[in-house]
Structure formats: C-alpha cells, structure tokens
Amino acid sequence: MIVVGGANKDRESANKNRETANKISKTAIKSVGANKNRESANKNSKTAIKKSKIAIKISETAIKSHSIANKIRNYPYRLSYFNLIIVENRPIQLGFF
C-alpha cells in the first residue's frame, strides 16, 4: 500500500509539473506573439516616419516650384514662355519661344 500511495503522489506531482510546464509554454508563446506585434509596430512606425519625410520633401519641392513660378510670372520682360533648367535650386534660362 505504501508503494502504491507513493506512486500516486509521484503521478500527481508529475501531472502538476506537466500543467506548470504547459502554462509556461503558453506564456512563452504569448510572449513571442507580443514580440512579433512589437516588431510589427516598430516597422509600421519606421514606415510612417519615412512617408512623413517624403511628404515633407514633396511639400518643400512644391513650395520651391511655386516660388519659381512667381519669379517667372514677375519676370521683368513678361515673356509668355521660356525654358528653364534647375541647377542647385536656381533657375537657369535656356532659351525663348
């Protein structure tokens, strides 16, 4: 009887250890999922920052283009059309139409 009782206790202890191991495993799986979510959030954040920088560059370009258009409109000779090339953010006049 003592041996059987000891075996039952060992079996119960093994079952508890198995349950504990399963809980730890489930927690580890959740942790991996959380890390993946965190990594995904970081990637999304980096992408958003890149898109924001691109939007700022586009906005700056639009402002420069508007400035150049104003310079053309206010050109002293009031020519209707002429070709420009932009070199280092400065308009260089190429020719007239």
PDB file of N, CA and C in Angstrom:
ATOM      1  N   MET A   1       0.816  -1.190   0.000  1.00  0.00           N
ATOM      2  CA  MET A   1       0.000   0.000   0.000  1.00  0.00           C
ATOM      3  C   MET A   1       0.859   1.253   0.000  1.00  0.00           C
ATOM      4  N   ILE A   2       1.892   1.251   0.755  1.00  0.00           N
ATOM      5  CA  ILE A   2       2.734   2.439   0.840  1.00  0.00           C
ATOM      6  C   ILE A   2       3.349   2.734  -0.529  1.00  0.00           C
ATOM      7  N   VAL A   3       3.762   1.697  -1.211  1.00  0.00           N
ATOM      8  CA  VAL A   3       4.374   1.886  -2.522  1.00  0.00           C
ATOM      9  C   VAL A   3       3.352   2.446  -3.510  1.00  0.00           C
ATOM     10  N   VAL A   4       2.134   1.923  -3.492  1.00  0.00           N
ATOM     11  CA  VAL A   4       1.093   2.407  -4.389  1.00  0.00           C
ATOM     12  C   VAL A   4       0.766   3.856  -4.081  1.00  0.00           C
ATOM     13  N   GLY A   5       0.652   4.194  -2.781  1.00  0.00           N
ATOM     14  CA  GLY A   5       0.384   5.580  -2.390  1.00  0.00           C
ATOM     15  C   GLY A   5       1.500   6.501  -2.849  1.00  0.00           C
ATOM     16  N   GLY A   6       2.730   6.043  -2.735  1.00  0.00           N
ATOM     17  CA  GLY A   6       3.866   6.835  -3.197  1.00  0.00           C
ATOM     18  C   GLY A   6       3.827   7.030  -4.701  1.00  0.00           C
ATOM     19  N   ALA A   7       3.419   6.009  -5.422  1.00  0.00           N
ATOM     20  CA  ALA A   7       3.322   6.100  -6.878  1.00  0.00           C
ATOM     21  C   ALA A   7       2.242   7.093  -7.270  1.00  0.00           C
ATOM     22  N   ASN A   8       1.120   7.091  -6.539  1.00  0.00           N
ATOM     23  CA  ASN A   8       0.050   8.051  -6.824  1.00  0.00           C
ATOM     24  C   ASN A   8       0.521   9.486  -6.597  1.00  0.00           C
ATOM     25  N   LYS A   9       1.256   9.672  -5.502  1.00  0.00           N
ATOM     26  CA  LYS A   9       1.780  11.017  -5.217  1.00  0.00           C
ATOM     27  C   LYS A   9       2.748  11.452  -6.314  1.00  0.00           C
ATOM     28  N   ASP A  10       3.586  10.494  -6.750  1.00  0.00           N
ATOM     29  CA  ASP A  10       4.521  10.822  -7.834  1.00  0.00           C
ATOM     30  C   ASP A  10       3.763  11.180  -9.107  1.00  0.00           C
ATOM     31  N   ARG A  11       2.690  10.422  -9.396  1.00  0.00           N
ATOM     32  CA  ARG A  11       1.880  10.687 -10.584  1.00  0.00           C
ATOM     33  C   ARG A  11       1.227  12.064 -10.487  1.00  0.00           C
ATOM     34  N   GLU A  12       0.677  12.387  -9.303  1.00  0.00           N
ATOM     35  CA  GLU A  12       0.051  13.701  -9.097  1.00  0.00           C
ATOM     36  C   GLU A  12       1.077  14.819  -9.244  1.00  0.00           C
ATOM     37  N   SER A  13       2.246  14.589  -8.678  1.00  0.00           N
ATOM     38  CA  SER A  13       3.313  15.587  -8.774  1.00  0.00           C
ATOM     39  C   SER A  13       3.736  15.780 -10.236  1.00  0.00           C
ATOM     40  N   ALA A  14       3.829  14.659 -10.965  1.00  0.00           N
ATOM     41  CA  ALA A  14       4.198  14.743 -12.384  1.00  0.00           C
ATOM     42  C   ALA A  14       3.131  15.504 -13.171  1.00  0.00           C
ATOM     43  N   ASN A  15       1.854  15.252 -12.846  1.00  0.00           N
ATOM     44  CA  ASN A  15       0.764  15.961 -13.525  1.00  0.00           C
ATOM     45  C   ASN A  15       0.821  17.456 -13.246  1.00  0.00           C
ATOM     46  N   LYS A  16       1.089  17.826 -11.994  1.00  0.00           N
ATOM     47  CA  LYS A  16       1.208  19.251 -11.644  1.00  0.00           C
ATOM     48  C   LYS A  16       2.375  19.883 -12.397  1.00  0.00           C
ATOM     49  N   ASN A  17       3.492  19.140 -12.445  1.00  0.00           N
ATOM     50  CA  ASN A  17       4.656  19.664 -13.171  1.00  0.00           C
ATOM     51  C   ASN A  17       4.339  19.837 -14.656  1.00  0.00           C
ATOM     52  N   ARG A  18       3.573  18.882 -15.218  1.00  0.00           N
ATOM     53  CA  ARG A  18       3.189  18.959 -16.622  1.00  0.00           C
ATOM     54  C   ARG A  18       2.292  20.176 -16.853  1.00  0.00           C
ATOM     55  N   GLU A  19       1.336  20.402 -15.950  1.00  0.00           N
ATOM     56  CA  GLU A  19       0.445  21.565 -16.058  1.00  0.00           C
ATOM     57  C   GLU A  19       1.236  22.866 -15.972  1.00  0.00           C
ATOM     58  N   THR A  20       2.176  22.900 -15.034  1.00  0.00           N
ATOM     59  CA  THR A  20       3.021  24.089 -14.893  1.00  0.00           C
ATOM     60  C   THR A  20       3.836  24.318 -16.165  1.00  0.00           C
ATOM     61  N   ALA A  21       4.391  23.229 -16.718  1.00  0.00           N
ATOM     62  CA  ALA A  21       5.172  23.345 -17.954  1.00  0.00           C
ATOM     63  C   ALA A  21       4.293  23.841 -19.096  1.00  0.00           C
ATOM     64  N   ASN A  22       3.047  23.353 -19.169  1.00  0.00           N
ATOM     65  CA  ASN A  22       2.128  23.810 -20.212  1.00  0.00           C
ATOM     66  C   ASN A  22       1.819  25.295 -20.068  1.00  0.00           C
ATOM     67  N   LYS A  23       1.613  25.750 -18.833  1.00  0.00           N
ATOM     68  CA  LYS A  23       1.347  27.174 -18.597  1.00  0.00           C
ATOM     69  C   LYS A  23       2.543  28.023 -19.026  1.00  0.00           C
ATOM     70  N   ILE A  24       3.734  27.554 -18.648  1.00  0.00           N
ATOM     71  CA  ILE A  24       4.955  28.287 -19.022  1.00  0.00           C
ATOM     72  C   ILE A  24       5.088  28.335 -20.541  1.00  0.00           C
ATOM     73  N   SER A  25       4.798  27.206 -21.200  1.00  0.00           N
ATOM     74  CA  SER A  25       4.870  27.146 -22.661  1.00  0.00           C
ATOM     75  C   SER A  25       3.873  28.115 -23.298  1.00  0.00           C
ATOM     76  N   LYS A  26       2.635  28.147 -22.782  1.00  0.00           N
ATOM     77  CA  LYS A  26       1.623  29.066 -23.313  1.00  0.00           C
ATOM     78  C   LYS A  26       2.048  30.516 -23.117  1.00  0.00           C
ATOM     79  N   THR A  27       2.624  30.808 -21.941  1.00  0.00           N
ATOM     80  CA  THR A  27       3.108  32.165 -21.669  1.00  0.00           C
ATOM     81  C   THR A  27       4.224  32.535 -22.645  1.00  0.00           C
ATOM     82  N   ALA A  28       5.127  31.572 -22.907  1.00  0.00           N
ATOM     83  CA  ALA A  28       6.225  31.827 -23.846  1.00  0.00           C
ATOM     84  C   ALA A  28       5.684  32.095 -25.245  1.00  0.00           C
ATOM     85  N   ILE A  29       4.662  31.335 -25.657  1.00  0.00           N
ATOM     86  CA  ILE A  29       4.064  31.537 -26.981  1.00  0.00           C
ATOM     87  C   ILE A  29       3.434  32.923 -27.065  1.00  0.00           C
ATOM     88  N   LYS A  30       2.731  33.330 -25.996  1.00  0.00           N
ATOM     89  CA  LYS A  30       2.136  34.674 -25.974  1.00  0.00           C
ATOM     90  C   LYS A  30       3.222  35.738 -26.056  1.00  0.00           C
ATOM     91  N   SER A  31       4.332  35.486 -25.356  1.00  0.00           N
ATOM     92  CA  SER A  31       5.441  36.441 -25.356  1.00  0.00           C
ATOM     93  C   SER A  31       6.019  36.588 -26.756  1.00  0.00           C
ATOM     94  N   VAL A  32       6.166  35.464 -27.468  1.00  0.00           N
ATOM     95  CA  VAL A  32       6.674  35.513 -28.842  1.00  0.00           C
ATOM     96  C   VAL A  32       5.713  36.313 -29.715  1.00  0.00           C
ATOM     97  N   GLY A  33       4.407  36.078 -29.536  1.00  0.00           N
ATOM     98  CA  GLY A  33       3.406  36.838 -30.290  1.00  0.00           C
ATOM     99  C   GLY A  33       3.486  38.317 -29.984  1.00  0.00           C
ATOM    100  N   ALA A  34       3.680  38.640 -28.707  1.00  0.00           N
ATOM    101  CA  ALA A  34       3.797  40.047 -28.311  1.00  0.00           C
ATOM    102  C   ALA A  34       5.038  40.676 -28.934  1.00  0.00           C
ATOM    103  N   ASN A  35       6.134  39.917 -28.969  1.00  0.00           N
ATOM    104  CA  ASN A  35       7.357  40.439 -29.590  1.00  0.00           C
ATOM    105  C   ASN A  35       7.151  40.682 -31.080  1.00  0.00           C
ATOM    106  N   LYS A  36       6.438  39.748 -31.740  1.00  0.00           N
ATOM    107  CA  LYS A  36       6.163  39.942 -33.168  1.00  0.00           C
ATOM    108  C   LYS A  36       5.302  41.182 -33.373  1.00  0.00           C
ATOM    109  N   ASN A  37       4.301  41.359 -32.502  1.00  0.00           N
ATOM    110  CA  ASN A  37       3.450  42.552 -32.602  1.00  0.00           C
ATOM    111  C   ASN A  37       4.271  43.817 -32.385  1.00  0.00           C
ATOM    112  N   ARG A  38       5.182  43.769 -31.417  1.00  0.00           N
ATOM    113  CA  ARG A  38       6.035  44.916 -31.126  1.00  0.00           C
ATOM    114  C   ARG A  38       6.928  45.220 -32.331  1.00  0.00           C
ATOM    115  N   GLU A  39       7.522  44.159 -32.918  1.00  0.00           N
ATOM    116  CA  GLU A  39       8.372  44.349 -34.095  1.00  0.00           C
ATOM    117  C   GLU A  39       7.562  44.926 -35.255  1.00  0.00           C
ATOM    118  N   SER A  40       6.361  44.418 -35.430  1.00  0.00           N
ATOM    119  CA  SER A  40       5.488  44.922 -36.497  1.00  0.00           C
ATOM    120  C   SER A  40       5.153  46.391 -36.263  1.00  0.00           C
ATOM    121  N   ALA A  41       4.863  46.740 -35.013  1.00  0.00           N
ATOM    122  CA  ALA A  41       4.560  48.138 -34.683  1.00  0.00           C
ATOM    123  C   ALA A  41       5.769  49.026 -34.956  1.00  0.00           C
ATOM    124  N   ASN A  42       6.964  48.534 -34.627  1.00  0.00           N
ATOM    125  CA  ASN A  42       8.179  49.309 -34.899  1.00  0.00           C
ATOM    126  C   ASN A  42       8.380  49.517 -36.396  1.00  0.00           C
ATOM    127  N   LYS A  43       8.145  48.448 -37.188  1.00  0.00           N
ATOM    128  CA  LYS A  43       8.278  48.575 -38.643  1.00  0.00           C
ATOM    129  C   LYS A  43       7.266  49.576 -39.185  1.00  0.00           C
ATOM    130  N   ASN A  44       6.030  49.495 -38.695  1.00  0.00           N
ATOM    131  CA  ASN A  44       4.998  50.433 -39.142  1.00  0.00           C
ATOM    132  C   ASN A  44       5.376  51.860 -38.788  1.00  0.00           C
ATOM    133  N   SER A  45       5.944  52.032 -37.592  1.00  0.00           N
ATOM    134  CA  SER A  45       6.364  53.366 -37.157  1.00  0.00           C
ATOM    135  C   SER A  45       7.478  53.898 -38.061  1.00  0.00           C
ATOM    136  N   LYS A  46       8.453  53.039 -38.377  1.00  0.00           N
ATOM    137  CA  LYS A  46       9.550  53.459 -39.254  1.00  0.00           C
ATOM    138  C   LYS A  46       9.026  53.818 -40.645  1.00  0.00           C
ATOM    139  N   THR A  47       8.079  53.009 -41.137  1.00  0.00           N
ATOM    140  CA  THR A  47       7.481  53.292 -42.444  1.00  0.00           C
ATOM    141  C   THR A  47       6.754  54.631 -42.419  1.00  0.00           C
ATOM    142  N   ALA A  48       6.024  54.883 -41.326  1.00  0.00           N
ATOM    143  CA  ALA A  48       5.299  56.153 -41.200  1.00  0.00           C
ATOM    144  C   ALA A  48       6.272  57.327 -41.184  1.00  0.00           C
ATOM    145  N   ILE A  49       7.397  57.161 -40.499  1.00  0.00           N
ATOM    146  CA  ILE A  49       8.407  58.228 -40.446  1.00  0.00           C
ATOM    147  C   ILE A  49       8.974  58.479 -41.845  1.00  0.00           C
ATOM    148  N   LYS A  50       9.271  57.388 -42.590  1.00  0.00           N
ATOM    149  CA  LYS A  50       9.794  57.547 -43.948  1.00  0.00           C
ATOM    150  C   LYS A  50       8.788  58.274 -44.835  1.00  0.00           C
ATOM    151  N   LYS A  51       7.512  57.876 -44.730  1.00  0.00           N
ATOM    152  CA  LYS A  51       6.480  58.517 -45.550  1.00  0.00           C
ATOM    153  C   LYS A  51       6.322  59.982 -45.169  1.00  0.00           C
ATOM    154  N   SER A  52       6.473  60.279 -43.885  1.00  0.00           N
ATOM    155  CA  SER A  52       6.387  61.664 -43.429  1.00  0.00           C
ATOM    156  C   SER A  52       7.531  62.489 -44.021  1.00  0.00           C
ATOM    157  N   LYS A  53       8.742  61.914 -44.032  1.00  0.00           N
ATOM    158  CA  LYS A  53       9.892  62.615 -44.609  1.00  0.00           C
ATOM    159  C   LYS A  53       9.688  62.857 -46.103  1.00  0.00           C
ATOM    160  N   ILE A  54       9.130  61.853 -46.790  1.00  0.00           N
ATOM    161  CA  ILE A  54       8.855  62.010 -48.223  1.00  0.00           C
ATOM    162  C   ILE A  54       7.834  63.120 -48.441  1.00  0.00           C
ATOM    163  N   ALA A  55       6.794  63.143 -47.599  1.00  0.00           N
ATOM    164  CA  ALA A  55       5.765  64.183 -47.719  1.00  0.00           C
ATOM    165  C   ALA A  55       6.365  65.564 -47.496  1.00  0.00           C
ATOM    166  N   ILE A  56       7.281  65.672 -46.548  1.00  0.00           N
ATOM    167  CA  ILE A  56       7.939  66.959 -46.283  1.00  0.00           C
ATOM    168  C   ILE A  56       8.752  67.389 -47.507  1.00  0.00           C
ATOM    169  N   LYS A  57       9.486  66.433 -48.117  1.00  0.00           N
ATOM    170  CA  LYS A  57      10.276  66.764 -49.312  1.00  0.00           C
ATOM    171  C   LYS A  57       9.374  67.215 -50.457  1.00  0.00           C
ATOM    172  N   ILE A  58       8.253  66.507 -50.629  1.00  0.00           N
ATOM    173  CA  ILE A  58       7.312  66.890 -51.691  1.00  0.00           C
ATOM    174  C   ILE A  58       6.774  68.290 -51.431  1.00  0.00           C
ATOM    175  N   SER A  59       6.451  68.569 -50.172  1.00  0.00           N
ATOM    176  CA  SER A  59       5.945  69.890 -49.807  1.00  0.00           C
ATOM    177  C   SER A  59       6.992  70.969 -50.077  1.00  0.00           C
ATOM    178  N   GLU A  60       8.245  70.696 -49.700  1.00  0.00           N
ATOM    179  CA  GLU A  60       9.318  71.663 -49.950  1.00  0.00           C
ATOM    180  C   GLU A  60       9.500  71.898 -51.446  1.00  0.00           C
ATOM    181  N   THR A  61       9.417  70.816 -52.224  1.00  0.00           N
ATOM    182  CA  THR A  61       9.541  70.942 -53.679  1.00  0.00           C
ATOM    183  C   THR A  61       8.404  71.779 -54.246  1.00  0.00           C
ATOM    184  N   ALA A  62       7.198  71.549 -53.734  1.00  0.00           N
ATOM    185  CA  ALA A  62       6.046  72.326 -54.201  1.00  0.00           C
ATOM    186  C   ALA A  62       6.223  73.804 -53.880  1.00  0.00           C
ATOM    187  N   ILE A  63       6.746  74.095 -52.702  1.00  0.00           N
ATOM    188  CA  ILE A  63       6.983  75.497 -52.318  1.00  0.00           C
ATOM    189  C   ILE A  63       8.020  76.121 -53.251  1.00  0.00           C
ATOM    190  N   LYS A  64       9.101  75.367 -53.536  1.00  0.00           N
ATOM    191  CA  LYS A  64      10.129  75.884 -54.442  1.00  0.00           C
ATOM    192  C   LYS A  64       9.553  76.102 -55.839  1.00  0.00           C
ATOM    193  N   SER A  65       8.741  75.146 -56.300  1.00  0.00           N
ATOM    194  CA  SER A  65       8.133  75.275 -57.631  1.00  0.00           C
ATOM    195  C   SER A  65       7.236  76.503 -57.687  1.00  0.00           C
ATOM    196  N   HIS A  66       6.472  76.723 -56.632  1.00  0.00           N
ATOM    197  CA  HIS A  66       5.601  77.897 -56.572  1.00  0.00           C
ATOM    198  C   HIS A  66       6.433  79.175 -56.610  1.00  0.00           C
ATOM    199  N   SER A  67       7.539  79.169 -55.886  1.00  0.00           N
ATOM    200  CA  SER A  67       8.427  80.329 -55.866  1.00  0.00           C
ATOM    201  C   SER A  67       8.988  80.605 -57.258  1.00  0.00           C
ATOM    202  N   ILE A  68       9.389  79.542 -57.955  1.00  0.00           N
ATOM    203  CA  ILE A  68       9.924  79.708 -59.311  1.00  0.00           C
ATOM    204  C   ILE A  68       8.834  80.225 -60.245  1.00  0.00           C
ATOM    205  N   ALA A  69       7.617  79.686 -60.095  1.00  0.00           N
ATOM    206  CA  ALA A  69       6.504  80.156 -60.931  1.00  0.00           C
ATOM    207  C   ALA A  69       6.254  81.642 -60.708  1.00  0.00           C
ATOM    208  N   ASN A  70       6.339  82.095 -59.471  1.00  0.00           N
ATOM    209  CA  ASN A  70       6.172  83.524 -59.185  1.00  0.00           C
ATOM    210  C   ASN A  70       7.283  84.343 -59.830  1.00  0.00           C
ATOM    211  N   LYS A  71       8.505  83.815 -59.799  1.00  0.00           N
ATOM    212  CA  LYS A  71       9.623  84.529 -60.427  1.00  0.00           C
ATOM    213  C   LYS A  71       9.400  84.644 -61.927  1.00  0.00           C
ATOM    214  N   ILE A  72       8.891  83.553 -62.533  1.00  0.00           N
ATOM    215  CA  ILE A  72       8.625  83.587 -63.973  1.00  0.00           C
ATOM    216  C   ILE A  72       7.526  84.606 -64.274  1.00  0.00           C
ATOM    217  N   ARG A  73       6.453  84.568 -63.469  1.00  0.00           N
ATOM    218  CA  ARG A  73       5.326  85.475 -63.693  1.00  0.00           C
ATOM    219  C   ARG A  73       5.768  86.927 -63.544  1.00  0.00           C
ATOM    220  N   ASN A  74       6.673  87.183 -62.624  1.00  0.00           N
ATOM    221  CA  ASN A  74       7.118  88.550 -62.365  1.00  0.00           C
ATOM    222  C   ASN A  74       8.412  88.896 -63.104  1.00  0.00           C
ATOM    223  N   TYR A  75       8.753  88.081 -64.093  1.00  0.00           N
ATOM    224  CA  TYR A  75       9.959  88.338 -64.873  1.00  0.00           C
ATOM    225  C   TYR A  75       9.836  89.706 -65.544  1.00  0.00           C
ATOM    226  N   PRO A  76      10.898  90.519 -65.520  1.00  0.00           N
ATOM    227  CA  PRO A  76      10.787  91.913 -65.989  1.00  0.00           C
ATOM    228  C   PRO A  76      10.297  92.058 -67.428  1.00  0.00           C
ATOM    229  N   TYR A  77      10.663  91.148 -68.310  1.00  0.00           N
ATOM    230  CA  TYR A  77      10.272  91.289 -69.715  1.00  0.00           C
ATOM    231  C   TYR A  77       8.897  90.704 -69.995  1.00  0.00           C
ATOM    232  N   ARG A  78       8.299  90.082 -69.005  1.00  0.00           N
ATOM    233  CA  ARG A  78       6.964  89.489 -69.108  1.00  0.00           C
ATOM    234  C   ARG A  78       6.825  88.602 -70.349  1.00  0.00           C
ATOM    235  N   LEU A  79       7.820  87.731 -70.527  1.00  0.00           N
ATOM    236  CA  LEU A  79       7.762  86.792 -71.647  1.00  0.00           C
ATOM    237  C   LEU A  79       6.734  85.711 -71.330  1.00  0.00           C
ATOM    238  N   SER A  80       6.024  85.277 -72.346  1.00  0.00           N
ATOM    239  CA  SER A  80       4.966  84.303 -72.082  1.00  0.00           C
ATOM    240  C   SER A  80       5.529  82.913 -71.807  1.00  0.00           C
ATOM    241  N   TYR A  81       6.537  82.489 -72.547  1.00  0.00           N
ATOM    242  CA  TYR A  81       7.112  81.164 -72.340  1.00  0.00           C
ATOM    243  C   TYR A  81       8.630  81.241 -72.459  1.00  0.00           C
ATOM    244  N   PHE A  82       9.320  80.540 -71.613  1.00  0.00           N
ATOM    245  CA  PHE A  82      10.738  80.308 -71.818  1.00  0.00           C
ATOM    246  C   PHE A  82      11.164  79.078 -71.030  1.00  0.00           C
ATOM    247  N   ASN A  83      12.210  78.423 -71.535  1.00  0.00           N
ATOM    248  CA  ASN A  83      12.687  77.181 -70.923  1.00  0.00           C
ATOM    249  C   ASN A  83      13.575  77.482 -69.733  1.00  0.00           C
ATOM    250  N   LEU A  84      13.407  76.675 -68.699  1.00  0.00           N
ATOM    251  CA  LEU A  84      14.268  76.789 -67.524  1.00  0.00           C
ATOM    252  C   LEU A  84      14.820  75.418 -67.183  1.00  0.00           C
ATOM    253  N   ILE A  85      16.015  75.394 -66.680  1.00  0.00           N
ATOM    254  CA  ILE A  85      16.558  74.182 -66.087  1.00  0.00           C
ATOM    255  C   ILE A  85      16.962  74.553 -64.670  1.00  0.00           C
ATOM    256  N   ILE A  86      16.726  73.656 -63.739  1.00  0.00           N
ATOM    257  CA  ILE A  86      17.038  73.942 -62.341  1.00  0.00           C
ATOM    258  C   ILE A  86      18.400  73.332 -62.018  1.00  0.00           C
ATOM    259  N   VAL A  87      19.336  74.166 -61.601  1.00  0.00           N
ATOM    260  CA  VAL A  87      20.659  73.708 -61.194  1.00  0.00           C
ATOM    261  C   VAL A  87      20.891  74.217 -59.782  1.00  0.00           C
ATOM    262  N   GLU A  88      21.054  73.289 -58.851  1.00  0.00           N
ATOM    263  CA  GLU A  88      21.258  73.637 -57.446  1.00  0.00           C
ATOM    264  C   GLU A  88      20.204  74.624 -56.965  1.00  0.00           C
ATOM    265  N   ASN A  89      18.947  74.311 -57.248  1.00  0.00           N
ATOM    266  CA  ASN A  89      17.796  75.101 -56.797  1.00  0.00           C
ATOM    267  C   ASN A  89      17.748  76.511 -57.381  1.00  0.00           C
ATOM    268  N   ARG A  90      18.467  76.759 -58.484  1.00  0.00           N
ATOM    269  CA  ARG A  90      18.415  78.070 -59.133  1.00  0.00           C
ATOM    270  C   ARG A  90      17.952  77.882 -60.577  1.00  0.00           C
ATOM    271  N   PRO A  91      17.004  78.680 -61.031  1.00  0.00           N
ATOM    272  CA  PRO A  91      16.576  78.549 -62.429  1.00  0.00           C
ATOM    273  C   PRO A  91      17.625  79.139 -63.370  1.00  0.00           C
ATOM    274  N   ILE A  92      17.970  78.372 -64.388  1.00  0.00           N
ATOM    275  CA  ILE A  92      18.908  78.838 -65.405  1.00  0.00           C
ATOM    276  C   ILE A  92      18.120  78.954 -66.707  1.00  0.00           C
ATOM    277  N   GLN A  93      18.126  80.121 -67.320  1.00  0.00           N
ATOM    278  CA  GLN A  93      17.359  80.348 -68.542  1.00  0.00           C
ATOM    279  C   GLN A  93      18.091  79.724 -69.729  1.00  0.00           C
ATOM    280  N   LEU A  94      17.363  78.921 -70.537  1.00  0.00           N
ATOM    281  CA  LEU A  94      17.974  78.264 -71.687  1.00  0.00           C
ATOM    282  C   LEU A  94      17.641  78.946 -73.000  1.00  0.00           C
ATOM    283  N   GLY A  95      16.413  79.343 -73.182  1.00  0.00           N
ATOM    284  CA  GLY A  95      16.053  79.931 -74.460  1.00  0.00           C
ATOM    285  C   GLY A  95      14.629  80.430 -74.447  1.00  0.00           C
ATOM    286  N   PHE A  96      14.242  81.108 -75.500  1.00  0.00           N
ATOM    287  CA  PHE A  96      12.915  81.707 -75.591  1.00  0.00           C
ATOM    288  C   PHE A  96      12.101  81.015 -76.668  1.00  0.00           C
ATOM    289  N   PHE A  97      10.780  81.079 -76.535  1.00  0.00           N
ATOM    290  CA  PHE A  97       9.865  80.607 -77.578  1.00  0.00           C
ATOM    291  C   PHE A  97       9.119  81.786 -78.126  1.00  0.00           C
TER     292      PHE A  97
END
